[in-house]
């Protein structure tokens, strides 16, 4: 990962420890706080939280546009970057289920600190799977043990670069190798070794981290079923699969903004991006969802993490800020 995209100035952050010291994993979040201003007018404390979840291999400040987005937010909102146990190289031994349980802790924490505020989840890349999973999946075992049949409610989600890991993997690996690796992972699972690491040759070419057999199959989602837990955005998924995710999210009342990058290197050329976003929105709205209609769509010229400065990044930030205004009312 690279930090060359960061501005040449200090980036003030406030650390929030979200778990008790006795817990094995120390879940933390970092809130972007405004730089000190010479204005005599006191700046109001933000009551609304935009919780940002980065993609595979990423963590704090590794998604290029986050400082720009934080600086552009209205004073009633703040950007909070969540570091999950799957951040950086931890994704290879984690799962969407674990991510969602940890995000649930984060939501609970900020709801207690800002009980009158709104909360929006924003994901980049695989962070989008976390967001859509949070909005649509049934409660995780950790959430059920905590005594809740429903996870803490949020006001909406933003999917920035919701790409298919399966289709991206198919671009990276020769077909014969991919079939061999999938069969190897399936054999691990059938032998009771789902949580054991696959050999280096399997997963290191994919973002440079080793993975367990179960996480590999979740991402690669082999044929014929394509039923990997992470397989939420593939262009060949039937309408019934989108109804089970986007439709459920709509039925639960959350608003949704979809920002699909027009020049995303992880999307095969055969994918009709506009049509795919249209199918996602259709499933969401048929489930009863509303909100985000005006801003959702393909962002022309945008790369996977919006590395481009200037107009392209300004469009992503502008659509996001507009959606937050819609949520806030």
Protein backbone atom coordinates (compact mmCIF):
# COMPACT_ATOMS: atom_id res chain seq x y z
CA UNK A 1 0.00 0.00 0.00
CA UNK A 2 1.10 3.56 -0.62
CA UNK A 3 0.59 6.83 1.21
CA UNK A 4 1.90 9.07 -1.60
CA UNK A 5 -1.66 10.31 -2.16
CA UNK A 6 -1.86 12.00 1.24
CA UNK A 7 -1.76 15.81 1.45
CA UNK A 8 1.47 17.40 2.69
CA UNK A 9 -0.07 18.60 5.93
CA UNK A 10 -1.02 17.08 9.27
CA UNK A 11 -4.27 15.11 9.31
CA UNK A 12 -5.86 15.47 12.76
CA UNK A 13 -7.51 12.28 13.97
CA UNK A 14 -9.22 11.27 17.19
CA UNK A 15 -8.85 7.68 18.35
CA UNK A 16 -11.82 5.76 19.75
CA UNK A 17 -11.18 2.38 21.44
CA UNK A 18 -14.38 0.45 20.77
CA UNK A 19 -13.71 -2.70 22.78
CA UNK A 20 -12.84 -3.42 26.37
CA UNK A 21 -9.17 -4.10 27.25
CA UNK A 22 -10.09 -7.65 28.23
CA UNK A 23 -11.26 -8.54 24.71
CA UNK A 24 -8.81 -10.40 22.49
CA UNK A 25 -9.20 -8.08 19.51
CA UNK A 26 -8.88 -4.35 20.05
CA UNK A 27 -11.36 -2.72 17.70
CA UNK A 28 -10.64 0.97 17.08
CA UNK A 29 -11.93 3.84 14.97
CA UNK A 30 -10.36 7.13 13.93
CA UNK A 31 -12.44 10.26 13.47
CA UNK A 32 -11.23 13.01 11.17
CA UNK A 33 -11.41 16.23 13.16
CA UNK A 34 -11.30 19.72 11.64
CA UNK A 35 -8.00 21.58 11.64
CA UNK A 36 -7.87 24.52 14.02
CA UNK A 37 -9.48 27.57 12.48
CA UNK A 38 -8.80 31.27 12.99
CA UNK A 39 -12.54 31.95 12.84
CA UNK A 40 -13.93 33.38 16.11
CA UNK A 41 -17.14 31.39 15.57
CA UNK A 42 -17.08 28.05 17.41
CA UNK A 43 -17.55 25.06 15.13
CA UNK A 44 -20.50 22.88 16.16
CA UNK A 45 -19.77 19.35 17.25
CA UNK A 46 -20.89 16.89 14.56
CA UNK A 47 -23.84 14.75 15.56
CA UNK A 48 -23.91 12.52 12.47
CA UNK A 49 -21.37 9.82 11.66
CA UNK A 50 -20.16 8.55 8.29
CA UNK A 51 -18.47 5.25 9.15
CA UNK A 52 -15.98 4.28 6.44
CA UNK A 53 -14.89 0.67 5.79
CA UNK A 54 -11.96 0.17 3.41
CA UNK A 55 -11.43 -2.75 1.02
CA UNK A 56 -9.15 -5.78 1.01
CA UNK A 57 -5.60 -4.92 2.07
CA UNK A 58 -6.48 -1.39 3.11
CA UNK A 59 -6.70 0.41 6.43
CA UNK A 60 -6.36 3.87 7.90
CA UNK A 61 -5.86 6.58 5.24
CA UNK A 62 -4.95 4.12 2.48
CA UNK A 63 -8.04 4.97 0.40
CA UNK A 64 -6.91 8.14 -1.40
CA UNK A 65 -10.04 10.27 -1.28
CA UNK A 66 -10.83 10.01 2.44
CA UNK A 67 -9.03 13.22 3.55
CA UNK A 68 -10.76 15.15 0.73
CA UNK A 69 -14.13 13.72 1.71
CA UNK A 70 -13.60 14.46 5.40
CA UNK A 71 -12.75 18.10 4.65
CA UNK A 72 -15.85 18.51 2.44
CA UNK A 73 -18.42 17.21 4.91
CA UNK A 74 -20.97 19.61 6.40
CA UNK A 75 -20.21 20.57 10.03
CA UNK A 76 -22.99 18.28 11.24
CA UNK A 77 -21.15 15.21 9.88
CA UNK A 78 -17.77 13.62 10.54
CA UNK A 79 -15.88 10.86 8.76
CA UNK A 80 -14.87 7.95 10.99
CA UNK A 81 -12.59 5.22 9.66
CA UNK A 82 -13.15 1.84 11.28
CA UNK A 83 -10.23 -0.58 11.64
CA UNK A 84 -11.61 -4.10 11.72
CA UNK A 85 -9.70 -7.29 12.44
CA UNK A 86 -9.85 -7.83 8.65
CA UNK A 87 -8.02 -4.56 7.89
CA UNK A 88 -4.68 -4.63 6.08
CA UNK A 89 -3.71 -8.32 5.63
CA UNK A 90 -6.24 -9.59 8.17
CA UNK A 91 -8.90 -10.18 5.52
CA UNK A 92 -7.42 -13.57 4.64
CA UNK A 93 -8.44 -15.07 8.00
CA UNK A 94 -11.66 -13.14 8.49
CA UNK A 95 -15.18 -13.21 7.02
CA UNK A 96 -18.11 -10.93 6.28
CA UNK A 97 -19.84 -12.39 9.32
CA UNK A 98 -16.99 -11.30 11.58
CA UNK A 99 -16.78 -7.87 9.92
CA UNK A 100 -20.50 -7.26 10.39
CA UNK A 101 -20.35 -8.23 14.07
CA UNK A 102 -17.49 -5.74 14.59
CA UNK A 103 -19.26 -2.99 12.64
CA UNK A 104 -22.28 -3.63 14.85
CA UNK A 105 -20.10 -2.87 17.90
CA UNK A 106 -18.94 0.32 16.24
CA UNK A 107 -22.49 1.45 15.43
CA UNK A 108 -23.59 0.74 19.00
CA UNK A 109 -20.69 2.79 20.33
CA UNK A 110 -21.43 5.88 18.26
CA UNK A 111 -25.17 5.61 18.81
CA UNK A 112 -24.50 5.81 22.54
CA UNK A 113 -22.27 8.89 22.10
CA UNK A 114 -24.56 10.62 19.61
CA UNK A 115 -28.07 9.35 20.35
CA UNK A 116 -29.78 12.00 18.22
CA UNK A 117 -27.47 11.62 15.23
CA UNK A 118 -27.64 9.78 11.93
CA UNK A 119 -25.26 6.97 10.98
CA UNK A 120 -24.32 6.06 7.41
CA UNK A 121 -22.01 3.18 6.48
CA UNK A 122 -19.72 3.77 3.50
CA UNK A 123 -17.60 1.05 1.94
CA UNK A 124 -14.95 0.95 -0.75
CA UNK A 125 -14.51 -2.30 -2.70
CA UNK A 126 -14.95 -5.24 -0.30
CA UNK A 127 -16.08 -2.71 2.28
CA UNK A 128 -19.21 -2.54 0.11
CA UNK A 129 -19.87 -6.20 0.90
CA UNK A 130 -19.67 -5.31 4.58
CA UNK A 131 -22.16 -2.46 4.09
CA UNK A 132 -24.67 -4.46 2.07
CA UNK A 133 -24.26 -7.42 4.41
CA UNK A 134 -24.93 -5.18 7.40
CA UNK A 135 -28.09 -3.87 5.74
CA UNK A 136 -29.43 -7.25 4.63
CA UNK A 137 -27.89 -10.29 6.35
CA UNK A 138 -29.57 -11.97 9.34
CA UNK A 139 -27.98 -11.43 12.78
CA UNK A 140 -24.53 -12.96 13.25
CA UNK A 141 -23.87 -15.44 16.08
CA UNK A 142 -21.99 -12.72 18.00
CA UNK A 143 -24.95 -10.37 17.67
CA UNK A 144 -27.36 -13.07 18.85
CA UNK A 145 -25.15 -13.81 21.86
CA UNK A 146 -25.25 -10.10 22.65
CA UNK A 147 -29.01 -10.47 23.00
CA UNK A 148 -30.27 -8.84 19.82
CA UNK A 149 -32.50 -10.33 17.15
CA UNK A 150 -31.77 -7.30 14.98
CA UNK A 151 -28.51 -5.41 14.66
CA UNK A 152 -28.38 -1.71 15.51
CA UNK A 153 -30.18 0.24 12.82
CA UNK A 154 -28.34 2.67 10.56
CA UNK A 155 -29.84 5.29 8.27
CA UNK A 156 -28.29 4.12 5.04
CA UNK A 157 -25.29 2.91 3.12
CA UNK A 158 -22.93 4.05 0.37
CA UNK A 159 -21.34 1.52 -1.97
CA UNK A 160 -18.26 3.00 -3.67
CA UNK A 161 -16.76 0.56 -6.20
CA UNK A 162 -18.99 -2.46 -5.42
CA UNK A 163 -17.08 -4.87 -7.64
CA UNK A 164 -17.22 -8.65 -7.85
CA UNK A 165 -14.21 -10.32 -6.26
CA UNK A 166 -15.09 -13.46 -8.20
CA UNK A 167 -14.91 -11.66 -11.55
CA UNK A 168 -11.72 -9.86 -10.46
CA UNK A 169 -10.09 -13.17 -9.48
CA UNK A 170 -11.06 -14.64 -12.85
CA UNK A 171 -9.17 -11.77 -14.49
CA UNK A 172 -6.02 -12.47 -12.46
CA UNK A 173 -5.71 -16.27 -12.55
CA UNK A 174 -5.48 -18.58 -15.58
CA UNK A 175 -8.62 -20.73 -15.71
CA UNK A 176 -6.84 -24.04 -15.11
CA UNK A 177 -5.00 -22.68 -12.07
CA UNK A 178 -8.18 -21.18 -10.63
CA UNK A 179 -10.10 -24.43 -11.01
CA UNK A 180 -7.24 -26.30 -9.32
CA UNK A 181 -7.10 -23.84 -6.41
CA UNK A 182 -10.87 -23.94 -5.94
CA UNK A 183 -10.84 -27.74 -5.81
CA UNK A 184 -7.99 -27.65 -3.30
CA UNK A 185 -9.91 -25.23 -1.06
CA UNK A 186 -13.05 -27.35 -1.35
CA UNK A 187 -11.03 -30.39 -0.30
CA UNK A 188 -9.71 -28.50 2.74
CA UNK A 189 -13.30 -27.72 3.75
CA UNK A 190 -14.54 -31.28 3.26
CA UNK A 191 -11.60 -32.52 5.35
CA UNK A 192 -12.56 -30.22 8.23
CA UNK A 193 -9.76 -27.72 7.54
CA UNK A 194 -11.86 -24.72 6.46
CA UNK A 195 -9.92 -22.34 8.72
CA UNK A 196 -6.47 -23.56 7.71
CA UNK A 197 -4.26 -21.51 5.40
CA UNK A 198 -3.98 -22.45 1.74
CA UNK A 199 -0.50 -22.69 0.17
CA UNK A 200 1.18 -19.41 -0.75
CA UNK A 201 0.75 -19.93 -4.49
CA UNK A 202 -3.03 -19.82 -4.16
CA UNK A 203 -3.72 -16.45 -2.61
CA UNK A 204 -0.54 -14.37 -2.54
CA UNK A 205 -1.07 -13.12 -6.14
CA UNK A 206 -4.43 -11.73 -5.00
CA UNK A 207 -3.54 -8.60 -2.98
CA UNK A 208 -0.56 -10.27 -1.37
CA UNK A 209 -2.04 -12.06 1.64
CA UNK A 210 -2.56 -15.68 2.54
CA UNK A 211 -6.14 -16.86 3.04
CA UNK A 212 -7.97 -19.66 4.72
CA UNK A 213 -9.84 -22.14 2.56
CA UNK A 214 -13.20 -20.77 3.68
CA UNK A 215 -12.35 -17.14 2.86
CA UNK A 216 -10.93 -18.12 -0.50
CA UNK A 217 -14.13 -19.93 -1.45
CA UNK A 218 -16.21 -17.02 -0.18
CA UNK A 219 -14.35 -14.71 -2.57
CA UNK A 220 -13.82 -17.00 -5.55
CA UNK A 221 -17.37 -18.42 -5.30
CA UNK A 222 -16.85 -21.35 -7.70
CA UNK A 223 -19.35 -22.59 -10.29
CA UNK A 224 -21.94 -23.95 -10.58
CA UNK A 225 -23.58 -22.47 -7.46
CA UNK A 226 -21.58 -19.22 -7.13
CA UNK A 227 -22.78 -19.12 -3.52
CA UNK A 228 -19.75 -17.56 -1.81
CA UNK A 229 -20.74 -15.22 1.01
CA UNK A 230 -18.73 -12.41 -0.61
CA UNK A 231 -20.33 -12.90 -4.03
CA UNK A 232 -22.84 -10.03 -3.86
CA UNK A 233 -22.08 -7.92 -6.94
CA UNK A 234 -21.26 -10.28 -9.83
CA UNK A 235 -22.84 -9.24 -13.10
CA UNK A 236 -24.24 -12.73 -13.79
CA UNK A 237 -26.13 -13.13 -10.52
CA UNK A 238 -29.87 -13.70 -11.01
CA UNK A 239 -32.48 -11.20 -9.89
CA UNK A 240 -33.40 -13.49 -7.00
CA UNK A 241 -29.92 -13.07 -5.48
CA UNK A 242 -30.15 -9.29 -5.69
CA UNK A 243 -33.60 -9.48 -4.13
CA UNK A 244 -32.09 -11.35 -1.17
CA UNK A 245 -29.59 -8.55 -0.54
CA UNK A 246 -30.53 -5.23 -2.15
CA UNK A 247 -34.22 -6.05 -1.83
CA UNK A 248 -33.93 -6.90 1.86
CA UNK A 249 -31.95 -3.69 2.46
CA UNK A 250 -34.76 -1.74 0.83
CA UNK A 251 -37.38 -3.51 2.89
CA UNK A 252 -35.55 -2.60 6.11
CA UNK A 253 -35.85 1.10 5.31
CA UNK A 254 -32.25 2.18 4.79
CA UNK A 255 -31.33 4.65 2.04
CA UNK A 256 -28.69 3.60 -0.48
CA UNK A 257 -26.19 5.38 -2.75
CA UNK A 258 -24.28 3.36 -5.38
CA UNK A 259 -21.12 4.91 -6.86
CA UNK A 260 -19.67 2.58 -9.51
CA UNK A 261 -16.26 3.58 -10.87
CA UNK A 262 -16.25 3.98 -14.64
CA UNK A 263 -12.56 3.05 -15.07
CA UNK A 264 -12.32 0.34 -12.41
CA UNK A 265 -9.41 -1.97 -13.27
CA UNK A 266 -11.01 -4.83 -11.31
CA UNK A 267 -14.13 -4.95 -13.50
CA UNK A 268 -14.03 -7.08 -16.69
CA UNK A 269 -14.64 -5.23 -19.95
CA UNK A 270 -17.73 -7.33 -20.67
CA UNK A 271 -19.61 -5.89 -17.67
CA UNK A 272 -22.24 -3.28 -18.58
CA UNK A 273 -21.74 -1.03 -15.57
CA UNK A 274 -24.79 1.15 -16.12
CA UNK A 275 -27.04 -1.88 -16.53
CA UNK A 276 -25.56 -3.53 -13.43
CA UNK A 277 -26.17 -0.47 -11.26
CA UNK A 278 -29.68 -0.34 -12.69
CA UNK A 279 -30.32 -3.95 -11.61
CA UNK A 280 -29.03 -3.20 -8.11
CA UNK A 281 -31.25 -0.13 -7.80
CA UNK A 282 -34.24 -2.01 -9.21
CA UNK A 283 -33.92 -4.78 -6.60
CA UNK A 284 -33.52 -2.19 -3.83
CA UNK A 285 -36.56 -0.20 -4.91
CA UNK A 286 -38.71 -3.29 -5.52
CA UNK A 287 -37.94 -4.19 -1.90
CA UNK A 288 -39.44 -0.87 -0.87
CA UNK A 289 -36.23 1.15 -0.66
CA UNK A 290 -35.91 4.80 -1.57
CA UNK A 291 -33.21 7.44 -1.40
CA UNK A 292 -30.00 7.86 -3.37
CA UNK A 293 -31.73 7.74 -6.76
CA UNK A 294 -30.24 11.01 -8.02
CA UNK A 295 -26.66 10.32 -7.05
CA UNK A 296 -26.41 6.62 -7.88
CA UNK A 297 -24.71 5.57 -11.09
CA UNK A 298 -21.40 5.21 -12.87
CA UNK A 299 -18.77 7.87 -12.12
CA UNK A 300 -16.99 8.42 -15.42
CA UNK A 301 -13.20 8.34 -15.27
CA UNK A 302 -13.05 7.08 -11.68
CA UNK A 303 -10.62 4.32 -10.76
CA UNK A 304 -11.27 1.69 -8.11
CA UNK A 305 -10.21 3.89 -5.19
CA UNK A 306 -10.66 7.24 -6.97
CA UNK A 307 -6.96 8.02 -7.12
CA UNK A 308 -7.70 10.84 -9.55
CA UNK A 309 -7.63 14.32 -8.09
CA UNK A 310 -9.71 17.14 -9.46
CA UNK A 311 -13.08 16.74 -11.14
CA UNK A 312 -13.51 12.98 -10.79
CA UNK A 313 -12.84 12.96 -7.07
CA UNK A 314 -14.95 16.10 -6.66
CA UNK A 315 -17.86 14.28 -8.28
CA UNK A 316 -17.59 11.32 -5.89
CA UNK A 317 -17.34 13.67 -2.92
CA UNK A 318 -20.18 15.85 -4.21
CA UNK A 319 -22.55 12.93 -4.71
CA UNK A 320 -21.68 11.65 -1.23
CA UNK A 321 -22.30 15.02 0.42
CA UNK A 322 -25.57 15.38 -1.49
CA UNK A 323 -26.71 11.98 -0.24
CA UNK A 324 -25.85 12.89 3.36
CA UNK A 325 -27.97 16.01 2.99
CA UNK A 326 -30.83 13.87 1.73
CA UNK A 327 -30.50 11.56 4.74
CA UNK A 328 -30.31 14.43 7.19
CA UNK A 329 -33.34 16.09 5.64
